[in-house]
Amino acid sequence: MEVIIPQKIYGDRSGIEKLNKKLKSLLGDLDVKWRIAITKKQWVKIILQGEDSEISANLIREEFGEIPRSLSNVNVGDIFVGRLIDLGKVGYGVYVDIGILTPRPKDALLPLYWLKRTFEDKPVRQMIREFGWVDNLPVEVRIEKVERLAQEIEVYLTEKWIKKLKGWLTDKHDKLFIAGTISENVENALIQTGHSRDVRRIEELGLMETMLILKKGTHAPGIIKEIGPYIRAAKIGAIKFED
């Protein structure tokens, strides 16, 4: 039995050990063995064996959720946590991987016309830069259109996520989005460089995605330069404010 959860492991792959600890805590008393594998698109597959496999699979779904896998499981109005992917490669929007693997892997499109209507009328690459977006950053999306024959999906960000993003863009605190290593490694990099005191809050966005909200007066570029060598496998994006 297997479950593919809406988390990805990539970068330095430190998420494997962290997830194993979470699974041990969740399934420790059950008669089950598990193995963590990674699908072609880096989604986490948990393979279960043992008498309590079915119970364990249900517990995992309850705790982490599950990707839709197939286009046939996706309907207008559904909400998924996807991952930004191939950022800046096209000018007509942003692609989001929501976990469609069959009949073939397919990403959903967050269209430019919607981004312009919701935020500002500017090129998509400029938005990506200003929003601090990096590949694999989690976003919550609602399915707006599904063309099964053409295998095309269009999504919008959910109201909750729009509110969150607009808050990040207006609160005057520089922010870092770090994708490709676990939050514990980010914290260690801050300690090693003496920059823990410059961080107002650390927020886990996913297994391998972390947001740092910096204190006012602390600027993202300086922190990136300092902590970057400690988390080389990670990609870092930033929301920056001028004093």
Protein backbone atom coordinates (compact mmCIF):
# COMPACT_ATOMS: atom_id res chain seq x y z
CA MET A 1 0.00 0.00 0.00
CA GLU A 2 1.22 3.51 -0.74
CA VAL A 3 0.22 7.12 -0.13
CA ILE A 4 1.64 10.13 -1.99
CA ILE A 5 1.45 13.16 0.29
CA PRO A 6 1.46 16.84 -0.82
CA GLN A 7 5.07 17.38 0.28
CA LYS A 8 8.22 17.32 -1.83
CA ILE A 9 11.77 16.26 -0.99
CA TYR A 10 14.58 17.79 -3.07
CA GLY A 11 17.58 20.06 -2.51
CA ASP A 12 19.71 18.53 0.25
CA ARG A 13 17.01 15.86 0.88
CA SER A 14 17.17 16.51 4.62
CA GLY A 15 13.39 16.10 4.71
CA ILE A 16 13.69 12.30 4.62
CA GLU A 17 15.02 12.05 8.18
CA LYS A 18 12.58 14.69 9.43
CA LEU A 19 9.61 12.91 7.85
CA ASN A 20 10.75 9.55 9.24
CA LYS A 21 10.65 11.06 12.75
CA LYS A 22 7.15 12.39 12.13
CA LEU A 23 5.99 8.99 10.87
CA LYS A 24 7.53 7.22 13.86
CA SER A 25 5.57 9.51 16.15
CA LEU A 26 2.36 8.97 14.14
CA LEU A 27 2.61 5.21 13.50
CA GLY A 28 4.95 4.02 16.26
CA ASP A 29 2.41 1.77 18.02
CA LEU A 30 1.12 0.08 14.87
CA ASP A 31 2.19 -3.16 13.16
CA VAL A 32 3.58 -1.47 10.05
CA LYS A 33 6.86 -0.83 8.27
CA TRP A 34 7.29 2.03 5.87
CA ARG A 35 9.69 3.26 3.26
CA ILE A 36 9.96 6.79 1.84
CA ALA A 37 10.38 7.11 -1.92
CA ILE A 38 10.30 10.14 -4.20
CA THR A 39 8.23 10.25 -7.40
CA LYS A 40 9.47 11.64 -10.72
CA LYS A 41 8.12 15.09 -9.79
CA GLN A 42 9.66 14.91 -6.29
CA TRP A 43 6.41 14.21 -4.41
CA VAL A 44 6.86 12.03 -1.33
CA LYS A 45 5.56 8.48 -1.63
CA ILE A 46 5.17 6.48 1.59
CA ILE A 47 5.13 2.71 0.97
CA LEU A 48 3.54 0.68 3.76
CA GLN A 49 3.75 -3.02 4.67
CA GLY A 50 2.25 -4.88 7.61
CA GLU A 51 -1.02 -5.81 9.27
CA ASP A 52 -1.88 -2.19 10.05
CA SER A 53 -1.05 -0.81 6.59
CA GLU A 54 -4.58 0.37 5.90
CA ILE A 55 -5.01 2.10 9.26
CA SER A 56 -1.57 3.68 8.80
CA ALA A 57 -2.46 4.94 5.31
CA ASN A 58 -5.60 6.59 6.69
CA LEU A 59 -3.65 8.22 9.51
CA ILE A 60 -1.10 9.56 7.01
CA ARG A 61 -3.88 10.97 4.79
CA GLU A 62 -5.46 12.60 7.84
CA GLU A 63 -2.16 14.13 8.97
CA PHE A 64 -0.62 15.17 5.65
CA GLY A 65 -3.31 14.96 2.97
CA GLU A 66 -2.86 13.27 -0.41
CA ILE A 67 -2.18 14.49 -3.95
CA PRO A 68 -4.92 13.91 -6.56
CA ARG A 69 -2.56 11.79 -8.74
CA SER A 70 -4.96 11.58 -11.69
CA LEU A 71 -6.56 14.32 -13.79
CA SER A 72 -9.87 12.45 -13.35
CA ASN A 73 -9.73 13.28 -9.60
CA VAL A 74 -9.61 17.04 -10.23
CA ASN A 75 -12.83 19.07 -10.43
CA VAL A 76 -13.75 22.75 -10.62
CA GLY A 77 -13.93 24.20 -7.08
CA ASP A 78 -11.45 21.73 -5.56
CA ILE A 79 -8.72 23.24 -3.38
CA PHE A 80 -5.16 21.89 -3.37
CA VAL A 81 -1.81 22.86 -1.90
CA GLY A 82 0.48 22.86 -4.91
CA ARG A 83 4.04 23.93 -5.61
CA LEU A 84 5.23 26.76 -7.85
CA ILE A 85 7.28 25.30 -10.68
CA ASP A 86 9.37 26.46 -13.66
CA LEU A 87 9.08 30.09 -12.52
CA GLY A 88 9.83 32.73 -15.13
CA LYS A 89 9.95 30.26 -18.02
CA VAL A 90 6.77 31.64 -19.62
CA GLY A 91 5.35 35.15 -19.79
CA TYR A 92 1.63 34.27 -19.68
CA GLY A 93 1.42 33.13 -16.05
CA VAL A 94 2.91 30.81 -13.46
CA TYR A 95 2.74 27.02 -13.37
CA VAL A 96 1.66 25.15 -10.23
CA ASP A 97 2.30 21.42 -9.70
CA ILE A 98 -0.76 20.11 -7.83
CA GLY A 99 0.26 16.45 -8.08
CA ILE A 100 -1.20 15.16 -11.35
CA LEU A 101 0.90 12.19 -12.44
CA THR A 102 -1.52 10.28 -14.73
CA PRO A 103 -2.33 9.84 -17.56
CA ARG A 104 0.84 11.93 -17.72
CA PRO A 105 2.38 14.57 -15.43
CA LYS A 106 0.55 17.87 -15.88
CA ASP A 107 0.93 21.25 -14.17
CA ALA A 108 -1.87 23.79 -13.67
CA LEU A 109 -1.65 27.36 -14.94
CA LEU A 110 -2.09 30.39 -12.70
CA PRO A 111 -2.80 32.87 -15.52
CA LEU A 112 -1.25 36.29 -15.91
CA TYR A 113 -4.62 38.01 -16.49
CA TRP A 114 -5.75 36.85 -13.04
CA LEU A 115 -2.46 37.89 -11.39
CA LYS A 116 -2.76 41.36 -12.96
CA ARG A 117 -6.40 41.68 -11.89
CA THR A 118 -5.62 40.58 -8.32
CA PHE A 119 -2.33 42.38 -7.79
CA GLU A 120 -0.89 44.90 -10.25
CA ASP A 121 -0.60 45.29 -14.00
CA LYS A 122 3.04 44.29 -14.46
CA PRO A 123 5.01 41.54 -16.24
CA VAL A 124 4.90 38.11 -14.65
CA ARG A 125 8.68 37.94 -14.15
CA GLN A 126 8.57 41.23 -12.23
CA MET A 127 5.79 39.86 -10.00
CA ILE A 128 7.78 36.68 -9.32
CA ARG A 129 10.80 38.76 -8.27
CA GLU A 130 8.79 41.18 -6.09
CA PHE A 131 6.77 38.38 -4.46
CA GLY A 132 9.98 36.53 -3.56
CA TRP A 133 8.70 33.39 -5.25
CA VAL A 134 11.03 30.43 -5.77
CA ASP A 135 10.41 27.03 -7.34
CA ASN A 136 8.68 24.57 -4.97
CA LEU A 137 7.16 27.27 -2.76
CA PRO A 138 3.77 25.96 -1.54
CA VAL A 139 0.63 27.82 -2.61
CA GLU A 140 -3.02 27.04 -2.00
CA VAL A 141 -5.08 27.11 -5.20
CA ARG A 142 -8.67 26.58 -6.31
CA ILE A 143 -9.44 24.78 -9.58
CA GLU A 144 -11.19 27.18 -11.96
CA LYS A 145 -11.16 25.26 -15.24
CA VAL A 146 -10.46 21.65 -16.26
CA GLU A 147 -10.23 20.61 -19.92
CA ARG A 148 -9.85 16.84 -19.70
CA LEU A 149 -9.40 16.16 -23.44
CA ALA A 150 -6.84 18.94 -23.87
CA GLN A 151 -5.42 18.09 -20.43
CA GLU A 152 -5.38 21.72 -19.34
CA ILE A 153 -6.06 23.08 -15.86
CA GLU A 154 -6.43 26.68 -14.75
CA VAL A 155 -6.18 27.70 -11.09
CA TYR A 156 -6.46 30.86 -8.98
CA LEU A 157 -4.93 31.42 -5.53
CA THR A 158 -7.48 30.95 -2.75
CA GLU A 159 -8.82 33.98 -0.89
CA LYS A 160 -6.84 32.86 2.18
CA TRP A 161 -3.62 32.83 0.20
CA ILE A 162 -4.31 36.17 -1.52
CA LYS A 163 -4.82 37.76 1.90
CA LYS A 164 -1.63 36.15 3.19
CA LEU A 165 0.44 37.32 0.21
CA LYS A 166 -0.95 40.87 0.31
CA GLY A 167 -0.08 41.00 4.02
CA TRP A 168 3.48 39.90 3.31
CA LEU A 169 3.78 42.58 0.61
CA THR A 170 2.62 45.47 2.79
CA ASP A 171 3.82 44.93 6.38
CA LYS A 172 7.26 46.55 5.78
CA HIS A 173 9.19 43.51 7.07
CA ASP A 174 11.72 42.00 4.63
CA LYS A 175 11.13 38.28 4.18
CA LEU A 176 13.11 35.30 2.92
CA PHE A 177 11.57 32.22 1.31
CA ILE A 178 13.96 29.28 1.53
CA ALA A 179 13.22 26.10 -0.43
CA GLY A 180 15.35 22.95 -0.47
CA THR A 181 16.29 22.33 3.16
CA ILE A 182 14.46 21.80 6.46
CA SER A 183 13.79 24.66 8.87
CA GLU A 184 16.24 23.22 11.43
CA ASN A 185 19.09 23.77 8.94
CA VAL A 186 17.92 27.34 8.35
CA GLU A 187 17.88 27.97 12.11
CA ASN A 188 21.38 26.50 12.40
CA ALA A 189 22.63 28.81 9.63
CA LEU A 190 21.17 31.80 11.50
CA ILE A 191 22.88 30.72 14.73
CA GLN A 192 26.23 30.08 12.99
CA THR A 193 26.18 33.56 11.43
CA GLY A 194 24.85 35.35 14.50
CA HIS A 195 21.68 36.47 12.69
CA SER A 196 19.07 34.81 14.90
CA ARG A 197 18.57 38.18 16.56
CA ASP A 198 17.58 39.72 13.20
CA VAL A 199 14.65 37.35 12.68
CA ARG A 200 11.23 38.22 14.00
CA ARG A 201 9.61 34.88 13.14
CA ILE A 202 10.38 31.56 11.43
CA GLU A 203 7.45 29.86 9.72
CA GLU A 204 7.45 26.38 8.19
CA LEU A 205 5.55 26.54 4.89
CA GLY A 206 6.24 22.90 4.08
CA LEU A 207 8.59 20.05 4.91
CA MET A 208 11.44 21.72 3.01
CA GLU A 209 10.17 25.30 2.71
CA THR A 210 10.68 28.00 5.32
CA MET A 211 9.80 31.68 5.56
CA LEU A 212 11.84 34.10 7.67
CA ILE A 213 10.20 37.37 8.67
CA LEU A 214 13.01 39.79 9.46
CA LYS A 215 12.92 42.56 12.04
CA LYS A 216 12.34 46.06 10.73
CA GLY A 217 15.62 47.63 9.65
CA THR A 218 17.12 44.22 8.76
CA HIS A 219 17.54 43.79 5.00
CA ALA A 220 17.11 40.53 3.13
CA PRO A 221 20.17 40.78 0.80
CA GLY A 222 22.60 40.97 3.74
CA ILE A 223 21.07 37.91 5.43
CA ILE A 224 21.06 35.93 2.16
CA LYS A 225 24.75 36.63 1.65
CA GLU A 226 25.59 35.46 5.19
CA ILE A 227 23.47 32.31 5.49
CA GLY A 228 23.71 31.20 1.83
CA PRO A 229 27.00 29.25 2.26
CA TYR A 230 25.42 27.18 5.08
CA ILE A 231 22.43 26.07 2.99
CA ARG A 232 23.95 25.73 -0.48
CA ALA A 233 21.32 23.30 -1.80
CA ALA A 234 18.50 25.74 -1.09
CA LYS A 235 16.99 28.43 -3.30
CA ILE A 236 16.22 31.75 -1.63
CA GLY A 237 13.70 34.39 -2.68
CA ALA A 238 12.98 37.67 -0.91
CA ILE A 239 10.37 40.36 -0.38
CA LYS A 240 12.31 43.59 0.08
CA PHE A 241 11.29 47.00 1.34
CA GLU A 242 13.20 50.25 1.09
CA ASP A 243 13.77 52.24 4.30
